[in-house]
Amino acid sequence: MDGKDACGAKAVDENVLMNAFVKMFNGIYENRQSFIKTMTANIEMVILQRPDIGETEALDKRIEELKNELKRLIRFQVHNNADSEVYNEEYKSISGELEEVRKKRLEHDKVNESKDGLKQRYDEILETMNSRDSLLQDFDEQIFNALVEKIEVLTPTHFVFELKSGMRVEEIQDRV
């Protein structure tokens, strides 16, 4: 074999990767006040970018108004037998706007859910960091799972750990 696995990627020694994680974690842990301060600033910036609650409420109000307009239009058509061309035009106009407003409202929900998920991951990282009272001596799978979203393997000894908070931490490990 030429040092590559079946997929053609370079093989990574599991022990080297685990040691790199321990080294990366300990570096963060030793500087945890700075790390937490940076992470807190990042999460606060993300939360500030949430859609304005007033804008969300305005969209909800507009959705209700448009639904009521459609109901009135339908009632008017049923009771007054209005010109079907005028009715259809008006119906298309109102329902088209309703669809657009609903899409905007859905985007707000998606953004909020995404930000809530990030906040939850941040809280998990913070809890993990604060629950430790010492450096790691050995690889800890529970801590790894709490912190790491994915690992980018640049070489068999050079990794970029992407944390669940979105932060990226580069680590170069000497072969053991």
N, C-alpha and C. Protein backbone atom coordinates (compact mmCIF):
# COMPACT_ATOMS: atom_id res chain seq x y z
N MET A 1 0.85 -1.19 0.00
CA MET A 1 0.00 0.00 0.00
C MET A 1 0.89 1.25 0.00
N ASP A 2 0.32 2.34 -0.47
CA ASP A 2 1.10 3.57 -0.57
C ASP A 2 0.75 4.58 0.52
N GLY A 3 0.19 4.11 1.63
CA GLY A 3 -0.14 5.02 2.74
C GLY A 3 -1.50 5.67 2.58
N LYS A 4 -2.26 5.20 1.59
CA LYS A 4 -3.61 5.74 1.41
C LYS A 4 -4.63 4.66 1.72
N ASP A 5 -5.83 5.08 2.15
CA ASP A 5 -6.87 4.10 2.43
C ASP A 5 -7.63 3.77 1.15
N ALA A 6 -8.68 2.97 1.26
CA ALA A 6 -9.44 2.51 0.10
C ALA A 6 -10.06 3.65 -0.69
N CYS A 7 -10.33 4.77 -0.04
CA CYS A 7 -10.95 5.90 -0.72
C CYS A 7 -9.93 6.77 -1.43
N GLY A 8 -8.64 6.49 -1.24
CA GLY A 8 -7.61 7.30 -1.87
C GLY A 8 -7.11 8.42 -0.97
N ALA A 9 -7.70 8.60 0.20
CA ALA A 9 -7.26 9.63 1.12
C ALA A 9 -6.07 9.11 1.91
N LYS A 10 -5.25 10.04 2.38
CA LYS A 10 -4.10 9.62 3.18
C LYS A 10 -4.60 9.01 4.49
N ALA A 11 -3.97 7.90 4.87
CA ALA A 11 -4.35 7.24 6.11
C ALA A 11 -3.88 8.07 7.29
N VAL A 12 -4.72 8.15 8.31
CA VAL A 12 -4.40 8.90 9.51
C VAL A 12 -4.31 7.92 10.67
N ASP A 13 -3.20 7.95 11.35
CA ASP A 13 -3.03 7.11 12.52
C ASP A 13 -3.98 7.61 13.61
N GLU A 14 -4.84 6.74 14.09
CA GLU A 14 -5.85 7.13 15.08
C GLU A 14 -5.21 7.71 16.34
N ASN A 15 -4.10 7.12 16.77
CA ASN A 15 -3.42 7.63 17.97
C ASN A 15 -2.88 9.05 17.75
N VAL A 16 -2.38 9.31 16.55
CA VAL A 16 -1.88 10.66 16.23
C VAL A 16 -3.04 11.65 16.30
N LEU A 17 -4.18 11.27 15.73
CA LEU A 17 -5.36 12.13 15.74
C LEU A 17 -5.86 12.36 17.18
N MET A 18 -5.91 11.31 17.97
CA MET A 18 -6.37 11.45 19.36
C MET A 18 -5.40 12.33 20.16
N ASN A 19 -4.11 12.15 19.94
CA ASN A 19 -3.12 12.98 20.64
C ASN A 19 -3.23 14.44 20.20
N ALA A 20 -3.51 14.65 18.91
CA ALA A 20 -3.68 16.02 18.42
C ALA A 20 -4.90 16.67 19.08
N PHE A 21 -5.96 15.89 19.26
CA PHE A 21 -7.14 16.44 19.94
C PHE A 21 -6.81 16.81 21.38
N VAL A 22 -6.11 15.92 22.08
CA VAL A 22 -5.74 16.20 23.48
C VAL A 22 -4.91 17.48 23.54
N LYS A 23 -3.94 17.61 22.64
CA LYS A 23 -3.07 18.80 22.60
C LYS A 23 -3.91 20.05 22.30
N MET A 24 -4.82 19.94 21.33
CA MET A 24 -5.67 21.07 20.97
C MET A 24 -6.56 21.46 22.15
N PHE A 25 -7.19 20.46 22.79
CA PHE A 25 -8.06 20.75 23.93
C PHE A 25 -7.28 21.42 25.05
N ASN A 26 -6.12 20.89 25.36
CA ASN A 26 -5.32 21.45 26.45
C ASN A 26 -4.90 22.88 26.15
N GLY A 27 -4.60 23.17 24.89
CA GLY A 27 -4.27 24.54 24.51
C GLY A 27 -5.45 25.47 24.74
N ILE A 28 -6.63 25.02 24.37
CA ILE A 28 -7.85 25.81 24.61
C ILE A 28 -8.10 25.94 26.11
N TYR A 29 -7.94 24.82 26.82
CA TYR A 29 -8.23 24.82 28.26
C TYR A 29 -7.30 25.78 29.01
N GLU A 30 -6.02 25.76 28.64
CA GLU A 30 -5.07 26.65 29.31
C GLU A 30 -5.39 28.12 29.05
N ASN A 31 -6.01 28.40 27.93
CA ASN A 31 -6.39 29.78 27.57
C ASN A 31 -7.91 29.92 27.54
N ARG A 32 -8.58 29.19 28.41
CA ARG A 32 -10.04 29.12 28.33
C ARG A 32 -10.73 30.46 28.55
N GLN A 33 -10.16 31.34 29.37
CA GLN A 33 -10.81 32.65 29.58
C GLN A 33 -10.87 33.42 28.26
N SER A 34 -9.77 33.43 27.55
CA SER A 34 -9.72 34.10 26.25
C SER A 34 -10.62 33.39 25.24
N PHE A 35 -10.57 32.06 25.25
CA PHE A 35 -11.40 31.26 24.34
C PHE A 35 -12.88 31.53 24.60
N ILE A 36 -13.28 31.51 25.86
CA ILE A 36 -14.68 31.73 26.22
C ILE A 36 -15.10 33.16 25.87
N LYS A 37 -14.20 34.11 26.10
CA LYS A 37 -14.50 35.51 25.77
C LYS A 37 -14.73 35.67 24.27
N THR A 38 -13.89 35.05 23.47
CA THR A 38 -14.03 35.11 22.01
C THR A 38 -15.32 34.43 21.57
N MET A 39 -15.58 33.25 22.13
CA MET A 39 -16.78 32.51 21.77
C MET A 39 -18.03 33.29 22.17
N THR A 40 -18.01 33.90 23.35
CA THR A 40 -19.15 34.68 23.83
C THR A 40 -19.40 35.87 22.91
N ALA A 41 -18.32 36.54 22.51
CA ALA A 41 -18.47 37.68 21.60
C ALA A 41 -19.06 37.22 20.27
N ASN A 42 -18.59 36.08 19.78
CA ASN A 42 -19.11 35.54 18.52
C ASN A 42 -20.59 35.20 18.63
N ILE A 43 -20.99 34.55 19.72
CA ILE A 43 -22.39 34.14 19.85
C ILE A 43 -23.29 35.35 20.06
N GLU A 44 -22.79 36.37 20.77
CA GLU A 44 -23.59 37.59 20.96
C GLU A 44 -23.80 38.29 19.62
N MET A 45 -22.76 38.29 18.77
CA MET A 45 -22.89 38.90 17.45
C MET A 45 -23.93 38.14 16.62
N VAL A 46 -23.91 36.82 16.71
CA VAL A 46 -24.86 35.99 15.96
C VAL A 46 -26.28 36.27 16.45
N ILE A 47 -26.45 36.34 17.75
CA ILE A 47 -27.78 36.56 18.31
C ILE A 47 -28.30 37.95 17.93
N LEU A 48 -27.39 38.93 17.85
CA LEU A 48 -27.81 40.27 17.45
C LEU A 48 -28.29 40.30 16.01
N GLN A 49 -27.86 39.33 15.21
CA GLN A 49 -28.26 39.28 13.81
C GLN A 49 -29.60 38.57 13.61
N ARG A 50 -30.25 38.18 14.70
CA ARG A 50 -31.56 37.55 14.59
C ARG A 50 -32.54 38.53 13.98
N PRO A 51 -33.54 38.01 13.28
CA PRO A 51 -34.58 38.91 12.77
C PRO A 51 -35.26 39.64 13.94
N ASP A 52 -35.54 40.89 13.73
CA ASP A 52 -36.18 41.72 14.74
C ASP A 52 -37.56 41.14 15.09
N ILE A 53 -37.85 41.03 16.37
CA ILE A 53 -39.13 40.47 16.82
C ILE A 53 -40.29 41.32 16.30
N GLY A 54 -40.07 42.63 16.21
CA GLY A 54 -41.12 43.51 15.69
C GLY A 54 -41.42 43.22 14.23
N GLU A 55 -40.36 42.91 13.46
CA GLU A 55 -40.54 42.57 12.05
C GLU A 55 -41.30 41.24 11.92
N THR A 56 -40.96 40.29 12.78
CA THR A 56 -41.65 38.99 12.77
C THR A 56 -43.13 39.18 13.11
N GLU A 57 -43.40 40.00 14.12
CA GLU A 57 -44.79 40.25 14.51
C GLU A 57 -45.55 40.96 13.39
N ALA A 58 -44.87 41.87 12.69
CA ALA A 58 -45.50 42.59 11.57
C ALA A 58 -45.85 41.60 10.45
N LEU A 59 -44.96 40.63 10.20
CA LEU A 59 -45.25 39.62 9.18
C LEU A 59 -46.45 38.77 9.60
N ASP A 60 -46.49 38.37 10.88
CA ASP A 60 -47.63 37.60 11.38
C ASP A 60 -48.94 38.38 11.22
N LYS A 61 -48.88 39.65 11.54
CA LYS A 61 -50.07 40.51 11.43
C LYS A 61 -50.51 40.62 9.97
N ARG A 62 -49.53 40.79 9.07
CA ARG A 62 -49.86 40.91 7.64
C ARG A 62 -50.45 39.61 7.11
N ILE A 63 -49.95 38.47 7.57
CA ILE A 63 -50.50 37.17 7.17
C ILE A 63 -51.97 37.09 7.56
N GLU A 64 -52.28 37.48 8.78
CA GLU A 64 -53.68 37.45 9.24
C GLU A 64 -54.55 38.40 8.43
N GLU A 65 -54.03 39.60 8.13
CA GLU A 65 -54.79 40.56 7.33
C GLU A 65 -55.10 39.99 5.95
N LEU A 66 -54.10 39.38 5.33
CA LEU A 66 -54.29 38.83 3.99
C LEU A 66 -55.26 37.65 4.00
N LYS A 67 -55.17 36.81 5.03
CA LYS A 67 -56.12 35.70 5.15
C LYS A 67 -57.54 36.24 5.29
N ASN A 68 -57.71 37.28 6.08
CA ASN A 68 -59.04 37.88 6.24
C ASN A 68 -59.53 38.52 4.95
N GLU A 69 -58.61 39.17 4.21
CA GLU A 69 -58.99 39.75 2.91
C GLU A 69 -59.49 38.67 1.97
N LEU A 70 -58.79 37.53 1.95
CA LEU A 70 -59.22 36.41 1.09
C LEU A 70 -60.60 35.91 1.50
N LYS A 71 -60.83 35.78 2.80
CA LYS A 71 -62.14 35.33 3.28
C LYS A 71 -63.23 36.31 2.85
N ARG A 72 -62.97 37.62 3.01
CA ARG A 72 -63.96 38.64 2.62
C ARG A 72 -64.23 38.58 1.11
N LEU A 73 -63.15 38.40 0.35
CA LEU A 73 -63.29 38.33 -1.10
C LEU A 73 -64.14 37.12 -1.49
N ILE A 74 -63.88 35.98 -0.86
CA ILE A 74 -64.65 34.77 -1.18
C ILE A 74 -66.11 34.95 -0.78
N ARG A 75 -66.34 35.51 0.42
CA ARG A 75 -67.73 35.77 0.85
C ARG A 75 -68.44 36.72 -0.11
N PHE A 76 -67.74 37.77 -0.53
CA PHE A 76 -68.31 38.74 -1.46
C PHE A 76 -68.69 38.04 -2.77
N GLN A 77 -67.81 37.19 -3.27
CA GLN A 77 -68.07 36.47 -4.52
C GLN A 77 -69.28 35.55 -4.36
N VAL A 78 -69.35 34.85 -3.24
CA VAL A 78 -70.46 33.91 -3.01
C VAL A 78 -71.79 34.66 -2.92
N HIS A 79 -71.82 35.76 -2.18
CA HIS A 79 -73.07 36.48 -1.94
C HIS A 79 -73.45 37.43 -3.08
N ASN A 80 -72.50 37.98 -3.78
CA ASN A 80 -72.80 39.01 -4.78
C ASN A 80 -72.55 38.57 -6.22
N ASN A 81 -72.00 37.41 -6.39
CA ASN A 81 -71.71 36.88 -7.73
C ASN A 81 -70.98 37.93 -8.58
N ALA A 82 -69.85 38.41 -8.05
CA ALA A 82 -69.07 39.45 -8.71
C ALA A 82 -68.49 38.92 -10.02
N ASP A 83 -68.04 39.83 -10.84
CA ASP A 83 -67.41 39.48 -12.12
C ASP A 83 -66.25 38.52 -11.85
N SER A 84 -66.29 37.35 -12.47
CA SER A 84 -65.29 36.32 -12.17
C SER A 84 -63.88 36.75 -12.58
N GLU A 85 -63.74 37.54 -13.62
CA GLU A 85 -62.42 38.00 -14.02
C GLU A 85 -61.82 38.92 -12.96
N VAL A 86 -62.61 39.84 -12.45
CA VAL A 86 -62.17 40.75 -11.39
C VAL A 86 -61.85 39.94 -10.13
N TYR A 87 -62.75 39.02 -9.80
CA TYR A 87 -62.55 38.17 -8.62
C TYR A 87 -61.24 37.38 -8.73
N ASN A 88 -61.03 36.72 -9.87
CA ASN A 88 -59.83 35.90 -10.06
C ASN A 88 -58.56 36.74 -9.97
N GLU A 89 -58.60 37.94 -10.55
CA GLU A 89 -57.44 38.83 -10.50
C GLU A 89 -57.13 39.22 -9.06
N GLU A 90 -58.17 39.61 -8.34
CA GLU A 90 -58.00 40.03 -6.95
C GLU A 90 -57.53 38.86 -6.08
N TYR A 91 -58.11 37.69 -6.32
CA TYR A 91 -57.74 36.48 -5.55
C TYR A 91 -56.26 36.16 -5.79
N LYS A 92 -55.83 36.20 -7.05
CA LYS A 92 -54.43 35.91 -7.38
C LYS A 92 -53.50 36.92 -6.71
N SER A 93 -53.89 38.16 -6.72
CA SER A 93 -53.06 39.22 -6.13
C SER A 93 -52.89 39.01 -4.62
N ILE A 94 -54.01 38.80 -3.95
CA ILE A 94 -53.96 38.62 -2.49
C ILE A 94 -53.23 37.33 -2.12
N SER A 95 -53.55 36.23 -2.78
CA SER A 95 -52.92 34.95 -2.44
C SER A 95 -51.42 34.97 -2.78
N GLY A 96 -51.04 35.70 -3.84
CA GLY A 96 -49.62 35.83 -4.18
C GLY A 96 -48.86 36.57 -3.10
N GLU A 97 -49.43 37.67 -2.63
CA GLU A 97 -48.78 38.42 -1.56
C GLU A 97 -48.72 37.57 -0.28
N LEU A 98 -49.80 36.85 0.00
CA LEU A 98 -49.83 35.99 1.19
C LEU A 98 -48.70 34.96 1.12
N GLU A 99 -48.49 34.37 -0.04
CA GLU A 99 -47.43 33.39 -0.20
C GLU A 99 -46.05 34.01 0.04
N GLU A 100 -45.85 35.22 -0.49
CA GLU A 100 -44.57 35.91 -0.30
C GLU A 100 -44.32 36.23 1.18
N VAL A 101 -45.34 36.72 1.87
CA VAL A 101 -45.20 37.07 3.28
C VAL A 101 -44.93 35.80 4.10
N ARG A 102 -45.62 34.71 3.77
CA ARG A 102 -45.38 33.44 4.47
C ARG A 102 -43.95 32.96 4.26
N LYS A 103 -43.41 33.14 3.04
CA LYS A 103 -42.02 32.75 2.77
C LYS A 103 -41.06 33.55 3.64
N LYS A 104 -41.28 34.86 3.72
CA LYS A 104 -40.43 35.71 4.57
C LYS A 104 -40.52 35.26 6.02
N ARG A 105 -41.71 34.93 6.47
CA ARG A 105 -41.91 34.50 7.86
C ARG A 105 -41.19 33.18 8.11
N LEU A 106 -41.25 32.27 7.14
CA LEU A 106 -40.56 30.99 7.25
C LEU A 106 -39.05 31.20 7.31
N GLU A 107 -38.54 32.16 6.53
CA GLU A 107 -37.11 32.48 6.58
C GLU A 107 -36.72 32.95 7.98
N HIS A 108 -37.57 33.75 8.59
CA HIS A 108 -37.31 34.21 9.97
C HIS A 108 -37.19 33.00 10.91
N ASP A 109 -38.13 32.06 10.77
CA ASP A 109 -38.11 30.88 11.63
C ASP A 109 -36.83 30.06 11.42
N LYS A 110 -36.44 29.91 10.16
CA LYS A 110 -35.23 29.14 9.86
C LYS A 110 -34.00 29.80 10.45
N VAL A 111 -33.91 31.11 10.31
CA VAL A 111 -32.77 31.85 10.87
C VAL A 111 -32.74 31.69 12.38
N ASN A 112 -33.89 31.84 13.02
CA ASN A 112 -33.96 31.71 14.47
C ASN A 112 -33.60 30.30 14.93
N GLU A 113 -34.08 29.28 14.22
CA GLU A 113 -33.75 27.90 14.58
C GLU A 113 -32.26 27.65 14.45
N SER A 114 -31.67 28.17 13.39
CA SER A 114 -30.24 28.02 13.17
C SER A 114 -29.44 28.69 14.30
N LYS A 115 -29.86 29.88 14.66
CA LYS A 115 -29.17 30.62 15.73
C LYS A 115 -29.38 29.93 17.08
N ASP A 116 -30.58 29.39 17.30
CA ASP A 116 -30.83 28.66 18.54
C ASP A 116 -29.96 27.41 18.62
N GLY A 117 -29.78 26.73 17.50
CA GLY A 117 -28.92 25.54 17.47
C GLY A 117 -27.48 25.90 17.77
N LEU A 118 -27.02 27.01 17.20
CA LEU A 118 -25.66 27.46 17.47
C LEU A 118 -25.50 27.82 18.94
N LYS A 119 -26.48 28.49 19.50
CA LYS A 119 -26.44 28.86 20.92
C LYS A 119 -26.40 27.60 21.79
N GLN A 120 -27.17 26.59 21.41
CA GLN A 120 -27.18 25.33 22.16
C GLN A 120 -25.80 24.65 22.09
N ARG A 121 -25.18 24.65 20.91
CA ARG A 121 -23.85 24.06 20.77
C ARG A 121 -22.83 24.84 21.58
N TYR A 122 -22.95 26.17 21.58
CA TYR A 122 -22.08 27.03 22.37
C TYR A 122 -22.22 26.69 23.86
N ASP A 123 -23.46 26.55 24.32
CA ASP A 123 -23.69 26.22 25.73
C ASP A 123 -23.07 24.87 26.09
N GLU A 124 -23.16 23.91 25.17
CA GLU A 124 -22.57 22.59 25.42
C GLU A 124 -21.05 22.68 25.53
N ILE A 125 -20.44 23.48 24.66
CA ILE A 125 -18.98 23.67 24.71
C ILE A 125 -18.60 24.35 26.02
N LEU A 126 -19.34 25.38 26.38
CA LEU A 126 -19.06 26.12 27.62
C LEU A 126 -19.18 25.19 28.83
N GLU A 127 -20.22 24.40 28.85
CA GLU A 127 -20.42 23.45 29.96
C GLU A 127 -19.27 22.44 30.02
N THR A 128 -18.86 21.96 28.85
CA THR A 128 -17.75 21.00 28.79
C THR A 128 -16.47 21.63 29.32
N MET A 129 -16.19 22.86 28.90
CA MET A 129 -14.96 23.54 29.36
C MET A 129 -15.02 23.81 30.86
N ASN A 130 -16.18 24.24 31.34
CA ASN A 130 -16.30 24.59 32.76
C ASN A 130 -16.38 23.37 33.67
N SER A 131 -16.73 22.21 33.12
CA SER A 131 -16.83 21.02 33.96
C SER A 131 -15.46 20.39 34.22
N ARG A 132 -14.46 20.80 33.47
CA ARG A 132 -13.10 20.27 33.64
C ARG A 132 -12.37 21.05 34.71
N ASP A 133 -11.58 20.35 35.49
CA ASP A 133 -10.76 21.05 36.48
C ASP A 133 -9.28 20.76 36.25
N SER A 134 -8.98 20.16 35.09
CA SER A 134 -7.58 19.89 34.77
C SER A 134 -7.45 19.62 33.27
N LEU A 135 -6.20 19.58 32.84
CA LEU A 135 -5.91 19.25 31.45
C LEU A 135 -6.25 17.79 31.19
N LEU A 136 -6.45 17.47 29.92
CA LEU A 136 -6.66 16.07 29.55
C LEU A 136 -5.31 15.35 29.54
N GLN A 137 -5.30 14.16 30.08
CA GLN A 137 -4.09 13.32 29.99
C GLN A 137 -4.22 12.36 28.81
N ASP A 138 -5.46 11.90 28.57
CA ASP A 138 -5.74 10.95 27.51
C ASP A 138 -6.95 11.42 26.73
N PHE A 139 -7.12 10.85 25.56
CA PHE A 139 -8.27 11.16 24.72
C PHE A 139 -9.56 10.85 25.47
N ASP A 140 -10.53 11.77 25.39
CA ASP A 140 -11.82 11.59 26.02
C ASP A 140 -12.90 11.75 24.93
N GLU A 141 -13.52 10.63 24.60
CA GLU A 141 -14.49 10.62 23.50
C GLU A 141 -15.69 11.53 23.79
N GLN A 142 -16.12 11.59 25.03
CA GLN A 142 -17.27 12.42 25.39
C GLN A 142 -16.95 13.90 25.16
N ILE A 143 -15.78 14.33 25.57
CA ILE A 143 -15.38 15.72 25.36
C ILE A 143 -15.21 15.99 23.86
N PHE A 144 -14.59 15.05 23.18
CA PHE A 144 -14.41 15.18 21.73
C PHE A 144 -15.76 15.38 21.05
N ASN A 145 -16.74 14.55 21.38
CA ASN A 145 -18.07 14.64 20.77
C ASN A 145 -18.79 15.93 21.13
N ALA A 146 -18.53 16.45 22.33
CA ALA A 146 -19.17 17.69 22.76
C ALA A 146 -18.59 18.91 22.03
N LEU A 147 -17.32 18.83 21.66
CA LEU A 147 -16.64 19.99 21.10
C LEU A 147 -16.52 20.00 19.58
N VAL A 148 -16.23 18.87 18.99
CA VAL A 148 -15.79 18.83 17.60
C VAL A 148 -16.95 18.52 16.65
N GLU A 149 -17.10 19.39 15.66
CA GLU A 149 -18.09 19.19 14.59
C GLU A 149 -17.48 18.31 13.51
N LYS A 150 -16.27 18.68 13.06
CA LYS A 150 -15.58 17.88 12.06
C LYS A 150 -14.09 18.17 12.10
N ILE A 151 -13.34 17.31 11.42
CA ILE A 151 -11.89 17.44 11.38
C ILE A 151 -11.47 17.48 9.92
N GLU A 152 -10.66 18.46 9.59
CA GLU A 152 -10.08 18.55 8.26
C GLU A 152 -8.66 18.02 8.38
N VAL A 153 -8.34 17.00 7.60
CA VAL A 153 -7.00 16.40 7.63
C VAL A 153 -6.20 17.01 6.49
N LEU A 154 -5.21 17.85 6.85
CA LEU A 154 -4.38 18.49 5.84
C LEU A 154 -3.22 17.56 5.45
N THR A 155 -2.63 16.92 6.44
CA THR A 155 -1.63 15.88 6.23
C THR A 155 -1.90 14.85 7.33
N PRO A 156 -1.22 13.71 7.31
CA PRO A 156 -1.46 12.73 8.38
C PRO A 156 -1.12 13.23 9.79
N THR A 157 -0.46 14.38 9.91
CA THR A 157 -0.15 14.92 11.24
C THR A 157 -0.59 16.38 11.40
N HIS A 158 -1.33 16.90 10.44
CA HIS A 158 -1.75 18.31 10.46
C HIS A 158 -3.27 18.36 10.29
N PHE A 159 -3.95 18.85 11.33
CA PHE A 159 -5.40 18.81 11.36
C PHE A 159 -5.97 20.19 11.65
N VAL A 160 -7.20 20.40 11.19
CA VAL A 160 -7.96 21.57 11.59
C VAL A 160 -9.24 21.03 12.23
N PHE A 161 -9.39 21.29 13.52
CA PHE A 161 -10.58 20.87 14.24
C PHE A 161 -11.61 22.00 14.11
N GLU A 162 -12.76 21.68 13.54
CA GLU A 162 -13.84 22.66 13.50
C GLU A 162 -14.76 22.36 14.67
N LEU A 163 -14.81 23.31 15.59
CA LEU A 163 -15.62 23.13 16.79
C LEU A 163 -17.09 23.40 16.47
N LYS A 164 -17.95 22.91 17.32
CA LYS A 164 -19.39 23.07 17.11
C LYS A 164 -19.82 24.53 17.17
N SER A 165 -18.97 25.39 17.71
CA SER A 165 -19.26 26.81 17.75
C SER A 165 -18.93 27.49 16.43
N GLY A 166 -18.28 26.73 15.52
CA GLY A 166 -17.87 27.30 14.24
C GLY A 166 -16.40 27.70 14.23
N MET A 167 -15.79 27.80 15.41
CA MET A 167 -14.37 28.14 15.48
C MET A 167 -13.54 27.00 14.91
N ARG A 168 -12.42 27.36 14.30
CA ARG A 168 -11.51 26.38 13.73
C ARG A 168 -10.18 26.48 14.46
N VAL A 169 -9.65 25.33 14.87
CA VAL A 169 -8.39 25.30 15.61
C VAL A 169 -7.44 24.35 14.89
N GLU A 170 -6.30 24.90 14.49
CA GLU A 170 -5.31 24.11 13.76
C GLU A 170 -4.38 23.42 14.76
N GLU A 171 -4.03 22.20 14.44
CA GLU A 171 -3.14 21.45 15.33
C GLU A 171 -2.21 20.58 14.48
N ILE A 172 -0.91 20.69 14.77
CA ILE A 172 0.08 19.84 14.11
C ILE A 172 0.63 18.91 15.18
N GLN A 173 0.60 17.63 14.88
CA GLN A 173 1.00 16.63 15.85
C GLN A 173 2.24 15.91 15.35
N ASP A 174 3.23 15.78 16.22
CA ASP A 174 4.39 14.96 15.88
C ASP A 174 3.98 13.51 15.95
N ARG A 175 4.51 12.71 15.07
CA ARG A 175 4.23 11.28 15.12
C ARG A 175 4.81 10.72 16.42
N VAL A 176 4.05 9.78 16.99
CA VAL A 176 4.49 9.19 18.27
C VAL A 176 5.31 7.96 18.02
